[in-house]
Amino acid sequence: MEKSLPSIPAKRYFTIGEVAELCGVKPHVLRYWEQEFTQLRPMKRRGNRRYYQHHEVLMIRRIRGLLYDQGFTINGARHKLQEIAQHERELARTGETRLPDLDGLDSSAAASNAQDEGEVLEDESVSEQIRQVERELKEIRDLLSV
């Protein structure tokens, strides 16, 4: 994506305003996408307030990437997401996996490798960033294995 999006905080639920900021779109766009993409089903509470979960934020970012960065139409993006889901189901059925097992990922080793390569990195912020990426990759893996 052209514009770097902020990292997703470790929260269970996000309001539509928070998701709009995290994904770089306006709230009315999110409401429209809910009508167009069956994968987006935020929980609704008091007064029809929407609460999105982490996997839905990831899906919205994927949709945004397809529409804004890759130039898909709504219909094209819908079909692409269906193709991806179908492909993942086929991989799961045959027992293959596309993503490596992230449970054994060693964050400290990744941080030390980056430092060995001459990058000047702050240990704490790098470690937190690596943990965040690890969490997001696990979420994506779980989302794709459904």
N, C-alpha and C. Protein backbone atom coordinates (compact mmCIF):
# COMPACT_ATOMS: atom_id res chain seq x y z
N MET A 1 0.83 -1.17 0.00
CA MET A 1 0.00 0.00 0.00
C MET A 1 0.88 1.24 0.00
N GLU A 2 0.45 2.23 -0.72
CA GLU A 2 1.26 3.43 -0.84
C GLU A 2 1.48 4.09 0.52
N LYS A 3 0.40 4.36 1.21
CA LYS A 3 0.47 5.04 2.49
C LYS A 3 0.55 4.00 3.59
N SER A 4 1.50 4.15 4.49
CA SER A 4 1.67 3.19 5.56
C SER A 4 0.54 3.33 6.56
N LEU A 5 -0.10 2.20 6.87
CA LEU A 5 -1.20 2.20 7.82
C LEU A 5 -0.66 1.94 9.22
N PRO A 6 -1.32 2.49 10.24
CA PRO A 6 -0.85 2.25 11.61
C PRO A 6 -1.03 0.79 12.01
N SER A 7 -0.23 0.35 12.97
CA SER A 7 -0.36 -1.02 13.44
C SER A 7 -1.68 -1.17 14.20
N ILE A 8 -2.19 -2.38 14.21
CA ILE A 8 -3.47 -2.65 14.85
C ILE A 8 -3.21 -2.95 16.32
N PRO A 9 -3.82 -2.18 17.22
CA PRO A 9 -3.60 -2.43 18.65
C PRO A 9 -4.18 -3.78 19.08
N ALA A 10 -3.67 -4.29 20.17
CA ALA A 10 -4.14 -5.58 20.69
C ALA A 10 -5.40 -5.34 21.51
N LYS A 11 -6.52 -5.24 20.80
CA LYS A 11 -7.83 -5.06 21.42
C LYS A 11 -8.78 -6.11 20.85
N ARG A 12 -9.82 -6.40 21.59
CA ARG A 12 -10.81 -7.38 21.10
C ARG A 12 -11.79 -6.74 20.13
N TYR A 13 -12.27 -5.54 20.44
CA TYR A 13 -13.26 -4.87 19.59
C TYR A 13 -12.82 -3.46 19.24
N PHE A 14 -13.21 -3.03 18.04
CA PHE A 14 -12.89 -1.70 17.55
C PHE A 14 -14.17 -1.02 17.06
N THR A 15 -14.31 0.27 17.34
CA THR A 15 -15.46 1.01 16.84
C THR A 15 -15.24 1.33 15.36
N ILE A 16 -16.28 1.77 14.70
CA ILE A 16 -16.17 2.09 13.28
C ILE A 16 -15.20 3.23 13.06
N GLY A 17 -15.15 4.20 13.98
CA GLY A 17 -14.20 5.31 13.86
C GLY A 17 -12.76 4.84 13.98
N GLU A 18 -12.51 3.93 14.92
CA GLU A 18 -11.15 3.38 15.07
C GLU A 18 -10.74 2.60 13.84
N VAL A 19 -11.65 1.79 13.31
CA VAL A 19 -11.34 0.99 12.12
C VAL A 19 -11.09 1.90 10.93
N ALA A 20 -11.87 2.97 10.82
CA ALA A 20 -11.68 3.91 9.72
C ALA A 20 -10.27 4.50 9.76
N GLU A 21 -9.80 4.87 10.94
CA GLU A 21 -8.44 5.40 11.08
C GLU A 21 -7.38 4.34 10.81
N LEU A 22 -7.60 3.12 11.31
CA LEU A 22 -6.63 2.04 11.14
C LEU A 22 -6.50 1.60 9.68
N CYS A 23 -7.58 1.77 8.92
CA CYS A 23 -7.59 1.28 7.53
C CYS A 23 -7.53 2.39 6.50
N GLY A 24 -7.56 3.63 6.92
CA GLY A 24 -7.43 4.73 5.98
C GLY A 24 -8.63 4.93 5.07
N VAL A 25 -9.81 4.65 5.59
CA VAL A 25 -11.05 4.90 4.84
C VAL A 25 -12.05 5.60 5.76
N LYS A 26 -13.08 6.16 5.19
CA LYS A 26 -14.10 6.85 5.98
C LYS A 26 -15.16 5.87 6.47
N PRO A 27 -15.82 6.19 7.59
CA PRO A 27 -16.84 5.27 8.13
C PRO A 27 -17.95 4.92 7.14
N HIS A 28 -18.38 5.87 6.32
CA HIS A 28 -19.45 5.54 5.37
C HIS A 28 -18.99 4.51 4.34
N VAL A 29 -17.70 4.50 4.04
CA VAL A 29 -17.15 3.50 3.12
C VAL A 29 -17.22 2.12 3.77
N LEU A 30 -16.90 2.04 5.06
CA LEU A 30 -16.98 0.76 5.78
C LEU A 30 -18.42 0.24 5.78
N ARG A 31 -19.38 1.12 6.02
CA ARG A 31 -20.79 0.69 6.03
C ARG A 31 -21.20 0.18 4.64
N TYR A 32 -20.71 0.84 3.61
CA TYR A 32 -21.00 0.39 2.24
C TYR A 32 -20.36 -0.97 1.97
N TRP A 33 -19.12 -1.12 2.37
CA TRP A 33 -18.42 -2.39 2.14
C TRP A 33 -19.12 -3.55 2.84
N GLU A 34 -19.73 -3.29 3.99
CA GLU A 34 -20.47 -4.34 4.69
C GLU A 34 -21.59 -4.90 3.81
N GLN A 35 -22.18 -4.04 2.99
CA GLN A 35 -23.25 -4.48 2.09
C GLN A 35 -22.69 -5.28 0.92
N GLU A 36 -21.48 -4.95 0.52
CA GLU A 36 -20.90 -5.56 -0.69
C GLU A 36 -20.08 -6.82 -0.42
N PHE A 37 -19.51 -6.93 0.76
CA PHE A 37 -18.63 -8.06 1.10
C PHE A 37 -19.23 -8.84 2.26
N THR A 38 -19.62 -10.07 2.00
CA THR A 38 -20.26 -10.89 3.04
C THR A 38 -19.31 -11.24 4.18
N GLN A 39 -18.00 -11.11 3.94
CA GLN A 39 -17.02 -11.43 4.98
C GLN A 39 -17.06 -10.41 6.13
N LEU A 40 -17.58 -9.24 5.88
CA LEU A 40 -17.63 -8.18 6.89
C LEU A 40 -18.97 -8.22 7.61
N ARG A 41 -18.94 -8.72 8.80
CA ARG A 41 -20.14 -8.78 9.63
C ARG A 41 -19.79 -8.33 11.05
N PRO A 42 -19.64 -7.02 11.26
CA PRO A 42 -19.31 -6.57 12.61
C PRO A 42 -20.49 -6.82 13.56
N MET A 43 -20.15 -7.03 14.82
CA MET A 43 -21.16 -7.21 15.83
C MET A 43 -21.85 -5.87 16.06
N LYS A 44 -23.15 -5.90 16.26
CA LYS A 44 -23.87 -4.65 16.51
C LYS A 44 -24.48 -4.71 17.90
N ARG A 45 -24.32 -3.62 18.61
CA ARG A 45 -24.89 -3.49 19.96
C ARG A 45 -25.73 -2.24 20.02
N ARG A 46 -26.00 -1.80 21.25
CA ARG A 46 -26.85 -0.62 21.51
C ARG A 46 -26.95 0.34 20.34
N GLY A 47 -28.15 0.60 19.89
CA GLY A 47 -28.37 1.58 18.85
C GLY A 47 -27.67 1.25 17.54
N ASN A 48 -27.48 -0.02 17.26
CA ASN A 48 -26.81 -0.48 16.03
C ASN A 48 -25.35 -0.02 15.92
N ARG A 49 -24.70 0.19 17.05
CA ARG A 49 -23.27 0.53 17.02
C ARG A 49 -22.48 -0.69 16.60
N ARG A 50 -21.55 -0.45 15.68
CA ARG A 50 -20.76 -1.55 15.14
C ARG A 50 -19.49 -1.74 15.95
N TYR A 51 -19.14 -3.02 16.17
CA TYR A 51 -17.89 -3.37 16.83
C TYR A 51 -17.19 -4.42 15.98
N TYR A 52 -16.03 -4.05 15.47
CA TYR A 52 -15.25 -4.93 14.59
C TYR A 52 -14.22 -5.69 15.41
N GLN A 53 -13.94 -6.93 14.99
CA GLN A 53 -12.89 -7.71 15.62
C GLN A 53 -11.63 -7.62 14.77
N HIS A 54 -10.53 -8.09 15.32
CA HIS A 54 -9.22 -7.97 14.67
C HIS A 54 -9.22 -8.57 13.26
N HIS A 55 -9.81 -9.75 13.11
CA HIS A 55 -9.82 -10.40 11.79
C HIS A 55 -10.60 -9.58 10.77
N GLU A 56 -11.61 -8.85 11.21
CA GLU A 56 -12.36 -8.00 10.29
C GLU A 56 -11.55 -6.78 9.87
N VAL A 57 -10.74 -6.25 10.78
CA VAL A 57 -9.86 -5.14 10.43
C VAL A 57 -8.85 -5.60 9.37
N LEU A 58 -8.32 -6.80 9.54
CA LEU A 58 -7.40 -7.35 8.55
C LEU A 58 -8.09 -7.54 7.20
N MET A 59 -9.33 -8.01 7.23
CA MET A 59 -10.08 -8.20 5.98
C MET A 59 -10.34 -6.85 5.31
N ILE A 60 -10.66 -5.83 6.08
CA ILE A 60 -10.90 -4.50 5.52
C ILE A 60 -9.62 -3.97 4.88
N ARG A 61 -8.49 -4.19 5.52
CA ARG A 61 -7.22 -3.77 4.92
C ARG A 61 -6.95 -4.52 3.61
N ARG A 62 -7.32 -5.80 3.58
CA ARG A 62 -7.14 -6.58 2.36
C ARG A 62 -8.05 -6.02 1.25
N ILE A 63 -9.29 -5.74 1.60
CA ILE A 63 -10.24 -5.18 0.63
C ILE A 63 -9.74 -3.82 0.14
N ARG A 64 -9.27 -3.00 1.06
CA ARG A 64 -8.75 -1.69 0.70
C ARG A 64 -7.58 -1.83 -0.28
N GLY A 65 -6.70 -2.77 -0.01
CA GLY A 65 -5.57 -3.01 -0.90
C GLY A 65 -6.00 -3.42 -2.30
N LEU A 66 -6.99 -4.31 -2.36
CA LEU A 66 -7.49 -4.75 -3.66
C LEU A 66 -8.12 -3.59 -4.44
N LEU A 67 -8.91 -2.79 -3.75
CA LEU A 67 -9.64 -1.72 -4.42
C LEU A 67 -8.75 -0.52 -4.74
N TYR A 68 -8.02 -0.05 -3.75
CA TYR A 68 -7.28 1.21 -3.90
C TYR A 68 -5.89 1.02 -4.51
N ASP A 69 -5.20 -0.03 -4.09
CA ASP A 69 -3.81 -0.20 -4.53
C ASP A 69 -3.70 -1.03 -5.81
N GLN A 70 -4.53 -2.08 -5.92
CA GLN A 70 -4.43 -2.97 -7.07
C GLN A 70 -5.43 -2.65 -8.17
N GLY A 71 -6.36 -1.73 -7.90
CA GLY A 71 -7.27 -1.25 -8.94
C GLY A 71 -8.45 -2.17 -9.26
N PHE A 72 -8.79 -3.09 -8.36
CA PHE A 72 -9.93 -3.95 -8.59
C PHE A 72 -11.23 -3.15 -8.46
N THR A 73 -12.27 -3.61 -9.16
CA THR A 73 -13.61 -3.08 -8.93
C THR A 73 -14.18 -3.80 -7.71
N ILE A 74 -15.32 -3.34 -7.20
CA ILE A 74 -15.96 -4.02 -6.08
C ILE A 74 -16.23 -5.47 -6.46
N ASN A 75 -16.80 -5.67 -7.63
CA ASN A 75 -17.12 -7.02 -8.08
C ASN A 75 -15.85 -7.86 -8.24
N GLY A 76 -14.82 -7.27 -8.81
CA GLY A 76 -13.55 -7.98 -8.97
C GLY A 76 -12.92 -8.34 -7.65
N ALA A 77 -12.97 -7.42 -6.69
CA ALA A 77 -12.41 -7.69 -5.36
C ALA A 77 -13.19 -8.80 -4.67
N ARG A 78 -14.51 -8.77 -4.81
CA ARG A 78 -15.35 -9.81 -4.22
C ARG A 78 -14.96 -11.18 -4.78
N HIS A 79 -14.79 -11.26 -6.09
CA HIS A 79 -14.40 -12.53 -6.72
C HIS A 79 -12.99 -12.95 -6.31
N LYS A 80 -12.09 -12.01 -6.21
CA LYS A 80 -10.70 -12.32 -5.80
C LYS A 80 -10.69 -12.90 -4.38
N LEU A 81 -11.46 -12.29 -3.47
CA LEU A 81 -11.53 -12.80 -2.09
C LEU A 81 -12.14 -14.20 -2.06
N GLN A 82 -13.13 -14.45 -2.92
CA GLN A 82 -13.72 -15.79 -2.99
C GLN A 82 -12.71 -16.80 -3.53
N GLU A 83 -11.92 -16.38 -4.52
CA GLU A 83 -10.88 -17.26 -5.07
C GLU A 83 -9.85 -17.61 -4.00
N ILE A 84 -9.43 -16.59 -3.24
CA ILE A 84 -8.44 -16.81 -2.17
C ILE A 84 -9.00 -17.77 -1.14
N ALA A 85 -10.26 -17.56 -0.73
CA ALA A 85 -10.88 -18.43 0.28
C ALA A 85 -10.99 -19.86 -0.24
N GLN A 86 -11.38 -20.01 -1.51
CA GLN A 86 -11.50 -21.34 -2.11
C GLN A 86 -10.13 -22.03 -2.16
N HIS A 87 -9.12 -21.28 -2.56
CA HIS A 87 -7.76 -21.83 -2.63
C HIS A 87 -7.29 -22.29 -1.25
N GLU A 88 -7.56 -21.48 -0.24
CA GLU A 88 -7.15 -21.84 1.12
C GLU A 88 -7.90 -23.08 1.61
N ARG A 89 -9.19 -23.18 1.26
CA ARG A 89 -9.95 -24.38 1.63
C ARG A 89 -9.36 -25.63 0.97
N GLU A 90 -8.97 -25.49 -0.29
CA GLU A 90 -8.36 -26.62 -1.00
C GLU A 90 -7.03 -27.02 -0.36
N LEU A 91 -6.23 -26.02 0.00
CA LEU A 91 -4.96 -26.32 0.67
C LEU A 91 -5.20 -27.01 2.01
N ALA A 92 -6.20 -26.53 2.74
CA ALA A 92 -6.50 -27.14 4.04
C ALA A 92 -7.00 -28.57 3.85
N ARG A 93 -7.78 -28.80 2.82
CA ARG A 93 -8.32 -30.14 2.56
C ARG A 93 -7.21 -31.12 2.21
N THR A 94 -6.21 -30.65 1.45
CA THR A 94 -5.11 -31.53 1.07
C THR A 94 -4.02 -31.61 2.13
N GLY A 95 -4.16 -30.80 3.17
CA GLY A 95 -3.19 -30.84 4.26
C GLY A 95 -1.98 -29.96 4.03
N GLU A 96 -1.96 -29.19 2.97
CA GLU A 96 -0.85 -28.28 2.71
C GLU A 96 -1.06 -26.97 3.46
N THR A 97 0.04 -26.30 3.74
CA THR A 97 -0.05 -24.97 4.34
C THR A 97 0.82 -24.02 3.55
N ARG A 98 0.34 -22.80 3.40
CA ARG A 98 1.13 -21.80 2.69
C ARG A 98 2.01 -21.02 3.64
N LEU A 99 1.53 -20.82 4.86
CA LEU A 99 2.29 -20.03 5.81
C LEU A 99 3.09 -20.94 6.72
N PRO A 100 4.28 -20.54 7.10
CA PRO A 100 5.07 -21.36 8.01
C PRO A 100 4.45 -21.38 9.39
N ASP A 101 4.84 -22.35 10.19
CA ASP A 101 4.37 -22.42 11.56
C ASP A 101 5.01 -21.28 12.34
N LEU A 102 4.18 -20.35 12.79
CA LEU A 102 4.70 -19.16 13.46
C LEU A 102 4.87 -19.37 14.96
N ASP A 103 4.40 -20.50 15.49
CA ASP A 103 4.47 -20.71 16.93
C ASP A 103 5.91 -20.76 17.42
N GLY A 104 6.83 -21.17 16.57
CA GLY A 104 8.22 -21.27 16.99
C GLY A 104 9.05 -20.06 16.61
N LEU A 105 8.41 -19.00 16.14
CA LEU A 105 9.14 -17.81 15.72
C LEU A 105 9.87 -17.20 16.90
N ASP A 106 11.15 -16.97 16.74
CA ASP A 106 11.96 -16.40 17.81
C ASP A 106 12.17 -14.92 17.53
N SER A 107 11.46 -14.08 18.25
CA SER A 107 11.52 -12.64 18.03
C SER A 107 12.91 -12.08 18.29
N SER A 108 13.57 -12.58 19.32
CA SER A 108 14.89 -12.04 19.64
C SER A 108 15.90 -12.38 18.55
N ALA A 109 15.78 -13.56 17.95
CA ALA A 109 16.69 -13.93 16.87
C ALA A 109 16.48 -13.02 15.67
N ALA A 110 15.24 -12.71 15.35
CA ALA A 110 14.96 -11.82 14.23
C ALA A 110 15.52 -10.43 14.49
N ALA A 111 15.40 -9.95 15.72
CA ALA A 111 15.93 -8.63 16.05
C ALA A 111 17.45 -8.61 15.98
N SER A 112 18.11 -9.68 16.47
CA SER A 112 19.57 -9.71 16.42
C SER A 112 20.07 -9.84 14.99
N ASN A 113 19.35 -10.58 14.14
CA ASN A 113 19.73 -10.67 12.73
C ASN A 113 19.66 -9.31 12.06
N ALA A 114 18.63 -8.55 12.36
CA ALA A 114 18.50 -7.22 11.77
C ALA A 114 19.65 -6.32 12.22
N GLN A 115 20.07 -6.45 13.48
CA GLN A 115 21.18 -5.64 13.97
C GLN A 115 22.49 -6.09 13.35
N ASP A 116 22.65 -7.40 13.14
CA ASP A 116 23.86 -7.91 12.52
C ASP A 116 24.03 -7.39 11.11
N GLU A 117 22.93 -7.09 10.44
CA GLU A 117 22.99 -6.60 9.08
C GLU A 117 23.29 -5.11 9.02
N GLY A 118 23.62 -4.51 10.13
CA GLY A 118 24.05 -3.12 10.14
C GLY A 118 22.94 -2.11 10.34
N GLU A 119 21.74 -2.58 10.57
CA GLU A 119 20.65 -1.64 10.80
C GLU A 119 20.74 -1.15 12.23
N VAL A 120 20.54 0.14 12.42
CA VAL A 120 20.53 0.71 13.76
C VAL A 120 19.09 0.68 14.24
N LEU A 121 18.82 -0.19 15.21
CA LEU A 121 17.46 -0.39 15.68
C LEU A 121 17.41 -0.28 17.19
N GLU A 122 16.32 0.26 17.69
CA GLU A 122 16.13 0.32 19.13
C GLU A 122 15.50 -1.00 19.56
N ASP A 123 16.14 -1.68 20.54
CA ASP A 123 15.74 -3.02 20.93
C ASP A 123 14.28 -3.13 21.32
N GLU A 124 13.80 -2.25 22.18
CA GLU A 124 12.44 -2.38 22.67
C GLU A 124 11.41 -2.14 21.58
N SER A 125 11.60 -1.11 20.78
CA SER A 125 10.61 -0.82 19.74
C SER A 125 10.63 -1.90 18.66
N VAL A 126 11.80 -2.42 18.35
CA VAL A 126 11.90 -3.48 17.35
C VAL A 126 11.23 -4.74 17.87
N SER A 127 11.49 -5.09 19.10
CA SER A 127 10.88 -6.28 19.68
C SER A 127 9.37 -6.17 19.68
N GLU A 128 8.84 -5.00 20.02
CA GLU A 128 7.40 -4.79 20.02
C GLU A 128 6.85 -4.88 18.60
N GLN A 129 7.57 -4.31 17.64
CA GLN A 129 7.12 -4.38 16.26
C GLN A 129 7.12 -5.82 15.76
N ILE A 130 8.13 -6.58 16.13
CA ILE A 130 8.20 -7.98 15.72
C ILE A 130 7.05 -8.77 16.35
N ARG A 131 6.77 -8.51 17.63
CA ARG A 131 5.64 -9.19 18.28
C ARG A 131 4.32 -8.82 17.61
N GLN A 132 4.18 -7.56 17.22
CA GLN A 132 2.96 -7.11 16.54
C GLN A 132 2.81 -7.82 15.19
N VAL A 133 3.90 -7.89 14.43
CA VAL A 133 3.86 -8.57 13.14
C VAL A 133 3.54 -10.05 13.34
N GLU A 134 4.14 -10.65 14.36
CA GLU A 134 3.87 -12.06 14.65
C GLU A 134 2.39 -12.26 14.95
N ARG A 135 1.80 -11.37 15.77
CA ARG A 135 0.38 -11.48 16.09
C ARG A 135 -0.47 -11.34 14.83
N GLU A 136 -0.13 -10.36 14.00
CA GLU A 136 -0.89 -10.14 12.78
C GLU A 136 -0.78 -11.32 11.83
N LEU A 137 0.41 -11.91 11.71
CA LEU A 137 0.58 -13.07 10.84
C LEU A 137 -0.22 -14.27 11.36
N LYS A 138 -0.25 -14.46 12.68
CA LYS A 138 -1.06 -15.54 13.24
C LYS A 138 -2.54 -15.31 12.97
N GLU A 139 -2.99 -14.05 13.10
CA GLU A 139 -4.38 -13.72 12.80
C GLU A 139 -4.70 -14.00 11.34
N ILE A 140 -3.79 -13.62 10.44
CA ILE A 140 -4.00 -13.86 9.02
C ILE A 140 -4.05 -15.35 8.74
N ARG A 141 -3.13 -16.11 9.36
CA ARG A 141 -3.11 -17.56 9.18
C ARG A 141 -4.43 -18.16 9.66
N ASP A 142 -4.92 -17.71 10.83
CA ASP A 142 -6.19 -18.22 11.34
C ASP A 142 -7.35 -17.84 10.43
N LEU A 143 -7.31 -16.63 9.91
CA LEU A 143 -8.36 -16.16 9.01
C LEU A 143 -8.39 -16.97 7.73
N LEU A 144 -7.22 -17.27 7.19
CA LEU A 144 -7.14 -18.01 5.94
C LEU A 144 -7.44 -19.49 6.10
N SER A 145 -7.30 -20.02 7.30
CA SER A 145 -7.53 -21.45 7.49
C SER A 145 -8.99 -21.76 7.81
N VAL A 146 -9.85 -20.76 7.78
CA VAL A 146 -11.28 -20.99 8.07
C VAL A 146 -11.94 -21.66 6.91
